[in-house]
Structures are given as C-alpha cells and as structure tokens.
Amino acid sequence: MSLPDLAGVLSTDDVLATVASIAAEQEPSGAIPWFSGGQLDPWDHVEAAMALDVGGENAKAEAAYDWLRRTQRPDGSWAARYEAGDVVADATAETNHAAYVAVGAWHHWLCTGDDAFLERMWPTVRRAVDFTVGCQGPGGEIWWAVGPDGLPDRVALLTGNSSVYQALRCAAAIAGRLGEPQPDWELAADLLGHTIRRHPVAFADKDRFSMDWYYPVLGGALRGEPARERLRGRWDEFVVPGRGARCVSDRPWVTGAETCELALSLHAVGDRDAAEEMVSAMQHLREADGSYWTGLVLTDGVRWPVERTTWTAAAVVLAVDALHGAHPRSEIFSGPVEAAAASRGREAPSRNR
C-alpha cells in the first residue's frame, strides 16, 4: 500500500491523522455521518469511505459499503438523508447518490484488488445504476431525483449529472471486470456525456455555484483543452488567492471540499501547480487533530458552518492522493477507468452464467 503525502503541505502522518478523524466518526453500523451525531447522505458517505481506503483502513471502508448493501431500498436507491440510527429524514431518492456507490466500489477494488468484494457489491451496484439510468430523459440528461411518491422530478442538475457520468463509467468497468457487460449503461454514459458537453440548456441554471463550473471536468465529461478553457473562464469569479474556492460566486465564503475538488479537476487537466496551490490554500481550515472545518466567511474570518465534516476531510485526502499519484486508485478522477484497471495488473475472473 502506498500512503500519500504532499511535500511542503501535508505529510503522510498528517494525511493519516485526517483519515483517523474520519474513522472516529464512523458508527458501529458502518455509517459515516457528516460529524458525530449528525446527518448522513449516501454520496458523502461513499466519499468518506474512499478516504478510509486511501489511508489503509480497508476494513472500515468495507463496513461502510456493507452499510449501503443493507440499507439499499428495493428500487436500488437510498434515502437522501439519514439521521443517527439510520433513521430516514428525507425519503427522496437522488440519482447521483444512488450512482456514486459504483465509484466507491471501483475505488475500493483499485485499492485492494479484491474481486470477492466486487462480487458481493455487484447486486447493489447493479440495482443502483439501473435505478439511475431509469431516470434518464430523452435528451440524455438524468433527472435529479424521485420523490417519496415514486414520481421523478424532471429537473436535471449539471453537478449531479457530471458525477453520474463518472459513476456510469466506473459501473461499466465493474461490469466488465465481473464478466457482466452492460451495454445500456455504456450507451447511457455516452448520451449523458454528449449532453453535458453540447447541450447546457438541458440543465437547471445553477451557475452561481462553483460545482457547476468545475464538475464537468471532475466527472470526466470534459477533458483536454475544452476542460482547461472552462476552468480558466471563471477562475477569477471563484478562486480567492491564498484561501481557496468560493462555494457560491457572489458570497464571501470559501469551502474546503470545493477547493479540493477544484484541485482534482486541475490535476485531471495536467495543471499540477495550480492543484497543489489549491490544497495548500485551504489548510487554514485544518484542526490539530487532522479534521477540517467546512468553510470560512472571508468578511469576518469566522468558520461557518460551525462543523468539521468528514466529507471535507475526505476531499483533502483524495486530492493529496491524486497529486501523490503512486497508486492505481490515484487516477480515479483523472484517467480512463480502463487504464486504472490495467495498472492493477490482474486478469478479469471468468464467470459462467
């Protein structure tokens, strides 16, 4: 196992302290809330599990995925929000929440090479991705959610769709690894990628939010010069030198997770120096125990909200791991999934069904 560091910014011990801060919040059930006693959503739960894997806490990561297996609903979805004790606080089923289990499962395999884990997770991944693809509109976009009444809310969100695009690619890689090809998923990903690149009007107008700016790059729908041009285009609106990235363009608030996701996007297009600068810039949010505050209000220097979140810490770990680049898992946000699988150096298992 290769443990990451970022020279001059975070040592390996610093990263391990951050991973330990995430592990400390994990509940006996395997659930990883935002903070002790706080809420949980499936997407951030997966991101936190990915950080545990980077730090070598593979058993704890597996416990997090086992929690997803146990709590998945019959239609393949999860509730949008849970409170302590796995109590459903919002029964809405968000498509990007459902799909992201595929990114986490693929990442865990890249970390461990454990085919038995993929076998166990396959029914969960398959139901989750089928649910997501079932919400694809005629233009290729994915509706953002299905309400508690079972009816889709026919609004597409660019950030969520960009995350789904990455998830579909990872899901297809899992299917291929297990000898269970899913051409419908690959077609859905191709259609979705085309819509993200060519038809921005398919998505609700959320361009005040930095995630809508960089997520088409982070999720892999945009690469090369179009991706670099997109990041350059609104740089001055969102980036505060020495502090990080704003969450919203017209608010004096920088947030650690968005800053590190921007770093991952910059790394994906080959701008390592800018990516390192972003990770360095947000270290004012770090606490002595390795945990991270969510954000900082620039006008008065107040950390807000008053919470240290596992998903902010996880974003830091994943960004450092990508920049360290010494393991196949490090490429999950930057390289083709097929290349990452090849670098794992194993033959796909045969399955007779």
Protein backbone atom coordinates (compact mmCIF):
# COMPACT_ATOMS: atom_id res chain seq x y z
CA MET A 1 0.00 0.00 0.00
CA SER A 2 1.26 3.47 -0.87
CA LEU A 3 0.34 6.19 1.61
CA PRO A 4 0.21 9.68 0.10
CA ASP A 5 1.77 12.98 1.07
CA LEU A 6 2.09 16.42 -0.49
CA ALA A 7 5.54 17.86 0.05
CA GLY A 8 5.53 21.13 1.94
CA VAL A 9 1.79 20.93 2.59
CA LEU A 10 0.78 17.64 4.25
CA SER A 11 2.99 14.77 5.37
CA THR A 12 1.91 11.15 5.36
CA ASP A 13 1.35 11.42 9.11
CA ASP A 14 -0.86 14.46 8.51
CA VAL A 15 -2.93 12.51 5.99
CA LEU A 16 -3.23 9.56 8.37
CA ALA A 17 -4.43 11.92 11.11
CA THR A 18 -7.14 13.17 8.77
CA VAL A 19 -8.15 9.60 7.90
CA ALA A 20 -8.27 8.83 11.63
CA SER A 21 -10.58 11.82 12.15
CA ILE A 22 -13.00 10.30 9.62
CA ALA A 23 -12.75 6.83 11.14
CA ALA A 24 -13.51 8.28 14.57
CA GLU A 25 -16.92 9.42 13.32
CA GLN A 26 -17.91 6.06 11.81
CA GLU A 27 -20.78 4.44 13.64
CA PRO A 28 -20.82 0.74 14.64
CA SER A 29 -23.23 0.09 11.75
CA GLY A 30 -20.60 1.29 9.28
CA ALA A 31 -22.42 4.55 8.59
CA ILE A 32 -20.24 7.66 8.25
CA PRO A 33 -22.18 10.80 9.19
CA TRP A 34 -21.04 14.31 8.43
CA PHE A 35 -19.96 14.63 12.05
CA SER A 36 -20.71 12.85 15.32
CA GLY A 37 -24.46 12.59 15.77
CA GLY A 38 -25.07 14.45 12.52
CA GLN A 39 -26.83 13.62 9.31
CA LEU A 40 -25.65 11.24 6.61
CA ASP A 41 -26.21 11.21 2.87
CA PRO A 42 -25.11 8.33 0.64
CA TRP A 43 -22.82 10.38 -1.64
CA ASP A 44 -20.74 11.88 1.17
CA HIS A 45 -20.75 8.52 2.94
CA VAL A 46 -19.07 6.97 -0.12
CA GLU A 47 -16.54 9.79 -0.38
CA ALA A 48 -15.57 9.26 3.25
CA ALA A 49 -15.20 5.52 2.65
CA MET A 50 -12.87 6.24 -0.25
CA ALA A 51 -10.66 8.31 2.04
CA LEU A 52 -10.56 5.47 4.56
CA ASP A 53 -9.28 3.18 1.81
CA VAL A 54 -6.55 5.66 0.87
CA GLY A 55 -5.39 5.63 4.49
CA GLY A 56 -5.26 1.84 4.62
CA GLU A 57 -8.44 1.46 6.66
CA ASN A 58 -9.83 -1.09 4.21
CA ALA A 59 -11.93 -2.99 6.75
CA LYS A 60 -13.63 0.23 7.86
CA ALA A 61 -14.26 1.13 4.23
CA GLU A 62 -15.82 -2.29 3.64
CA ALA A 63 -18.04 -1.73 6.66
CA ALA A 64 -19.23 1.48 5.03
CA TYR A 65 -20.09 -0.36 1.83
CA ASP A 66 -21.80 -3.11 3.80
CA TRP A 67 -23.99 -0.39 5.33
CA LEU A 68 -25.02 0.59 1.80
CA ARG A 69 -25.81 -3.04 0.93
CA ARG A 70 -28.04 -3.36 3.98
CA THR A 71 -29.89 -0.07 3.61
CA GLN A 72 -30.47 -0.05 -0.15
CA ARG A 73 -34.16 0.12 -0.99
CA PRO A 74 -35.86 -2.35 -3.36
CA ASP A 75 -35.81 0.12 -6.27
CA GLY A 76 -32.00 0.47 -5.98
CA SER A 77 -31.98 3.85 -4.28
CA TRP A 78 -31.25 5.23 -0.83
CA ALA A 79 -32.93 8.00 1.10
CA ALA A 80 -31.42 11.43 0.57
CA ARG A 81 -30.78 11.96 4.26
CA TYR A 82 -30.47 9.81 7.36
CA GLU A 83 -30.21 10.84 10.99
CA ALA A 84 -28.45 8.92 13.76
CA GLY A 85 -29.53 5.31 14.00
CA ASP A 86 -30.25 5.03 10.26
CA VAL A 87 -33.48 7.00 10.69
CA VAL A 88 -34.74 8.28 7.34
CA ALA A 89 -35.05 12.07 7.50
CA ASP A 90 -35.71 12.67 3.80
CA ALA A 91 -37.06 9.80 1.72
CA THR A 92 -36.30 11.48 -1.62
CA ALA A 93 -34.13 9.30 -3.86
CA GLU A 94 -31.37 11.31 -5.56
CA THR A 95 -29.90 9.75 -8.68
CA ASN A 96 -26.35 10.92 -8.12
CA HIS A 97 -26.47 9.47 -4.59
CA ALA A 98 -27.50 6.10 -5.97
CA ALA A 99 -24.96 6.02 -8.77
CA TYR A 100 -21.96 7.01 -6.64
CA VAL A 101 -21.75 3.60 -5.00
CA ALA A 102 -20.15 2.45 -8.27
CA VAL A 103 -17.33 4.99 -7.91
CA GLY A 104 -16.68 3.87 -4.37
CA ALA A 105 -16.80 0.17 -5.18
CA TRP A 106 -14.42 0.59 -8.11
CA HIS A 107 -12.08 2.70 -5.99
CA HIS A 108 -12.04 0.01 -3.29
CA TRP A 109 -11.12 -2.59 -5.88
CA LEU A 110 -8.34 -0.35 -7.18
CA CYS A 111 -7.08 -0.08 -3.61
CA THR A 112 -7.27 -3.78 -2.76
CA GLY A 113 -7.67 -5.88 -5.91
CA ASP A 114 -10.37 -7.77 -4.00
CA ASP A 115 -12.59 -9.46 -6.58
CA ALA A 116 -14.70 -11.08 -3.86
CA PHE A 117 -15.66 -7.59 -2.71
CA LEU A 118 -16.86 -6.68 -6.21
CA GLU A 119 -18.85 -9.91 -6.33
CA ARG A 120 -20.58 -9.01 -3.06
CA MET A 121 -21.26 -5.44 -4.17
CA TRP A 122 -22.43 -6.33 -7.69
CA PRO A 123 -26.16 -6.74 -6.91
CA THR A 124 -26.11 -3.41 -5.03
CA VAL A 125 -24.26 -1.61 -7.82
CA ARG A 126 -26.48 -3.11 -10.49
CA ARG A 127 -29.73 -2.08 -8.78
CA ALA A 128 -28.39 1.40 -8.05
CA VAL A 129 -27.21 2.05 -11.60
CA ASP A 130 -30.37 0.59 -13.14
CA PHE A 131 -32.38 2.97 -10.94
CA THR A 132 -30.24 5.90 -12.14
CA VAL A 133 -30.38 5.01 -15.82
CA GLY A 134 -34.12 4.55 -15.48
CA CYS A 135 -34.30 8.28 -14.73
CA GLN A 136 -32.60 9.33 -17.97
CA GLY A 137 -34.56 11.81 -20.05
CA PRO A 138 -34.91 11.74 -23.83
CA GLY A 139 -32.11 14.26 -24.26
CA GLY A 140 -29.58 12.17 -22.33
CA GLU A 141 -29.82 14.12 -19.07
CA ILE A 142 -30.59 12.34 -15.79
CA TRP A 143 -33.45 13.63 -13.65
CA TRP A 144 -32.10 14.66 -10.28
CA ALA A 145 -34.49 12.72 -8.02
CA VAL A 146 -37.53 10.55 -7.48
CA GLY A 147 -39.86 11.78 -4.78
CA PRO A 148 -41.35 9.75 -1.94
CA ASP A 149 -44.44 9.40 -4.13
CA GLY A 150 -42.39 7.44 -6.66
CA LEU A 151 -42.58 10.15 -9.34
CA PRO A 152 -39.44 11.62 -10.92
CA ASP A 153 -38.72 15.32 -10.54
CA ARG A 154 -37.90 16.08 -14.15
CA VAL A 155 -35.16 18.60 -13.45
CA ALA A 156 -31.55 17.84 -14.38
CA LEU A 157 -28.64 19.29 -12.41
CA LEU A 158 -25.25 19.69 -14.06
CA THR A 159 -23.19 18.88 -10.97
CA GLY A 160 -25.18 15.74 -10.24
CA ASN A 161 -25.14 14.64 -13.86
CA SER A 162 -21.37 15.11 -14.06
CA SER A 163 -20.98 12.89 -11.01
CA VAL A 164 -23.34 10.33 -12.55
CA TYR A 165 -21.22 10.33 -15.72
CA GLN A 166 -18.17 9.24 -13.72
CA ALA A 167 -20.26 6.68 -11.86
CA LEU A 168 -21.57 5.12 -15.07
CA ARG A 169 -18.02 4.70 -16.35
CA CYS A 170 -16.95 3.06 -13.10
CA ALA A 171 -20.05 0.86 -13.12
CA ALA A 172 -19.25 -0.29 -16.64
CA ALA A 173 -15.71 -1.11 -15.51
CA ILE A 174 -17.06 -3.21 -12.63
CA ALA A 175 -19.42 -4.99 -15.01
CA GLY A 176 -16.56 -5.74 -17.37
CA ARG A 177 -14.34 -6.94 -14.56
CA LEU A 178 -17.04 -9.39 -13.47
CA GLY A 179 -17.85 -10.58 -16.98
CA GLU A 180 -21.30 -8.97 -16.84
CA PRO A 181 -21.19 -6.33 -19.60
CA GLN A 182 -23.94 -3.72 -19.50
CA PRO A 183 -24.12 -2.03 -22.91
CA ASP A 184 -27.15 0.00 -21.83
CA TRP A 185 -25.06 1.68 -19.14
CA GLU A 186 -22.34 2.50 -21.65
CA LEU A 187 -24.89 3.97 -24.05
CA ALA A 188 -26.42 5.99 -21.21
CA ALA A 189 -22.98 7.35 -20.33
CA ASP A 190 -22.25 8.28 -23.95
CA LEU A 191 -25.56 10.12 -24.27
CA LEU A 192 -25.06 11.87 -20.94
CA GLY A 193 -21.51 12.93 -21.80
CA HIS A 194 -22.69 14.39 -25.10
CA THR A 195 -25.44 16.33 -23.34
CA ILE A 196 -23.03 17.74 -20.75
CA ARG A 197 -20.60 18.85 -23.46
CA ARG A 198 -23.03 20.12 -26.10
CA HIS A 199 -26.39 20.94 -24.55
CA PRO A 200 -26.00 23.04 -21.39
CA VAL A 201 -29.60 24.22 -21.65
CA ALA A 202 -30.68 20.72 -20.61
CA PHE A 203 -29.66 21.58 -17.05
CA ALA A 204 -31.16 23.92 -14.48
CA ASP A 205 -29.36 27.25 -14.14
CA LYS A 206 -27.13 26.89 -11.08
CA ASP A 207 -24.07 28.71 -12.42
CA ARG A 208 -23.62 30.73 -9.22
CA PHE A 209 -22.29 27.55 -7.66
CA SER A 210 -18.66 26.62 -8.23
CA MET A 211 -19.53 22.94 -8.52
CA ASP A 212 -21.41 23.60 -11.76
CA TRP A 213 -18.24 25.27 -13.02
CA TYR A 214 -15.72 22.51 -12.39
CA TYR A 215 -17.76 19.31 -12.07
CA PRO A 216 -17.96 18.56 -15.83
CA VAL A 217 -14.16 18.34 -15.62
CA LEU A 218 -14.05 16.46 -12.32
CA GLY A 219 -16.53 13.84 -13.55
CA GLY A 220 -14.60 13.32 -16.78
CA ALA A 221 -17.15 14.52 -19.35
CA LEU A 222 -14.75 17.31 -20.32
CA ARG A 223 -11.06 16.75 -20.90
CA GLY A 224 -8.19 18.39 -22.77
CA GLU A 225 -8.37 21.97 -23.98
CA PRO A 226 -12.17 22.34 -23.57
CA ALA A 227 -11.74 21.44 -19.90
CA ARG A 228 -8.83 23.83 -19.43
CA GLU A 229 -10.77 26.59 -21.16
CA ARG A 230 -13.74 26.01 -18.88
CA LEU A 231 -11.60 26.28 -15.75
CA ARG A 232 -9.85 29.42 -16.99
CA GLY A 233 -13.12 31.07 -17.94
CA ARG A 234 -14.45 31.71 -14.43
CA TRP A 235 -11.30 31.44 -12.36
CA ASP A 236 -11.42 34.97 -11.00
CA GLU A 237 -15.07 34.60 -10.01
CA PHE A 238 -14.49 31.61 -7.77
CA VAL A 239 -10.84 31.49 -6.66
CA VAL A 240 -9.63 33.59 -3.74
CA PRO A 241 -5.81 33.51 -3.75
CA GLY A 242 -4.39 32.04 -0.58
CA ARG A 243 -7.82 31.00 0.72
CA GLY A 244 -9.35 28.56 -1.76
CA ALA A 245 -12.51 28.44 -3.85
CA ARG A 246 -15.84 30.08 -3.18
CA CYS A 247 -18.84 27.81 -2.94
CA VAL A 248 -21.05 30.49 -4.50
CA SER A 249 -19.69 33.20 -6.81
CA ASP A 250 -21.46 36.12 -5.11
CA ARG A 251 -20.81 35.12 -1.49
CA PRO A 252 -17.65 35.78 0.60
CA TRP A 253 -17.40 32.13 1.62
CA VAL A 254 -14.65 29.67 0.72
CA THR A 255 -15.16 25.96 1.36
CA GLY A 256 -12.61 23.21 1.74
CA ALA A 257 -14.36 20.45 -0.18
CA GLU A 258 -15.00 22.60 -3.25
CA THR A 259 -11.39 23.79 -3.14
CA CYS A 260 -10.06 20.24 -3.11
CA GLU A 261 -12.46 19.10 -5.81
CA LEU A 262 -11.22 22.00 -7.92
CA ALA A 263 -7.68 20.74 -7.22
CA LEU A 264 -8.71 17.30 -8.50
CA SER A 265 -10.15 18.93 -11.63
CA LEU A 266 -6.97 20.91 -12.24
CA HIS A 267 -4.88 17.79 -11.79
CA ALA A 268 -7.10 15.96 -14.29
CA VAL A 269 -6.18 18.51 -16.98
CA GLY A 270 -2.48 18.47 -16.13
CA ASP A 271 -2.22 21.69 -14.10
CA ARG A 272 -0.41 20.22 -11.11
CA ASP A 273 0.98 23.50 -9.80
CA ALA A 274 -2.44 25.12 -9.56
CA ALA A 275 -3.85 21.95 -7.99
CA GLU A 276 -1.17 21.94 -5.29
CA GLU A 277 -1.79 25.62 -4.67
CA MET A 278 -5.47 24.95 -4.06
CA VAL A 279 -4.79 22.21 -1.49
CA SER A 280 -2.25 24.41 0.23
CA ALA A 281 -4.59 27.42 0.23
CA MET A 282 -7.35 25.65 2.19
CA GLN A 283 -5.18 24.43 5.05
CA HIS A 284 -6.42 27.32 7.21
CA LEU A 285 -9.44 25.05 7.77
CA ARG A 286 -7.36 22.27 9.37
CA GLU A 287 -7.58 21.48 13.07
CA ALA A 288 -4.79 19.98 15.16
CA ASP A 289 -6.42 16.53 15.13
CA GLY A 290 -6.43 16.43 11.31
CA SER A 291 -10.12 17.22 10.88
CA TYR A 292 -11.34 20.12 8.72
CA TRP A 293 -13.88 22.88 9.12
CA THR A 294 -16.31 23.14 6.25
CA GLY A 295 -15.65 26.76 5.29
CA LEU A 296 -14.62 30.29 6.15
CA VAL A 297 -16.54 33.56 5.80
CA LEU A 298 -13.97 35.95 4.36
CA THR A 299 -15.54 39.18 5.57
CA ASP A 300 -15.24 38.40 9.29
CA GLY A 301 -12.87 35.40 9.42
CA VAL A 302 -15.50 33.15 11.00
CA ARG A 303 -15.52 29.45 10.25
CA TRP A 304 -19.01 28.57 9.08
CA PRO A 305 -20.96 26.44 9.45
CA VAL A 306 -19.64 25.55 12.88
CA GLU A 307 -18.91 21.95 11.99
CA ARG A 308 -15.99 19.79 10.96
CA THR A 309 -17.23 17.44 8.27
CA THR A 310 -16.00 14.02 7.25
CA TRP A 311 -16.63 14.84 3.60
CA THR A 312 -14.39 17.91 3.73
CA ALA A 313 -11.64 15.80 5.28
CA ALA A 314 -12.22 13.12 2.64
CA ALA A 315 -11.88 15.62 -0.21
CA VAL A 316 -8.48 16.65 1.18
CA VAL A 317 -7.28 13.04 1.35
CA LEU A 318 -8.44 12.26 -2.18
CA ALA A 319 -6.81 15.39 -3.60
CA VAL A 320 -3.49 14.62 -1.90
CA ASP A 321 -3.66 11.03 -3.13
CA ALA A 322 -4.26 12.17 -6.70
CA LEU A 323 -1.30 14.54 -6.57
CA HIS A 324 0.89 11.88 -4.98
CA GLY A 325 -0.03 9.63 -7.88
CA ALA A 326 1.75 6.50 -6.75
CA HIS A 327 -1.14 4.02 -6.88
CA PRO A 328 -3.76 3.00 -9.48
CA ARG A 329 -6.52 4.39 -7.23
CA SER A 330 -4.97 7.84 -7.59
CA GLU A 331 -6.21 8.05 -11.18
CA ILE A 332 -9.91 7.60 -10.47
CA PHE A 333 -10.62 11.29 -11.14
CA SER A 334 -8.10 11.80 -13.92
CA GLY A 335 -7.50 8.70 -16.04
CA PRO A 336 -9.68 6.35 -18.07
CA VAL A 337 -11.09 3.61 -15.90
CA GLU A 338 -9.68 1.01 -18.26
CA ALA A 339 -6.16 2.34 -17.73
CA ALA A 340 -6.55 2.16 -13.96
CA ALA A 341 -7.75 -1.42 -14.23
CA ALA A 342 -4.82 -2.36 -16.44
CA SER A 343 -2.37 -0.85 -13.97
CA ARG A 344 -3.82 -3.11 -11.29
CA GLY A 345 -2.20 -5.93 -13.24
CA ARG A 346 -4.81 -8.66 -12.85
CA GLU A 347 -6.83 -10.68 -15.29
CA ALA A 348 -10.60 -10.47 -15.09
CA PRO A 349 -12.18 -13.52 -13.46
CA SER A 350 -14.21 -15.84 -15.60
CA ARG A 351 -17.85 -16.34 -14.75
CA ASN A 352 -20.19 -18.87 -16.29
CA ARG A 353 -23.80 -17.75 -16.04
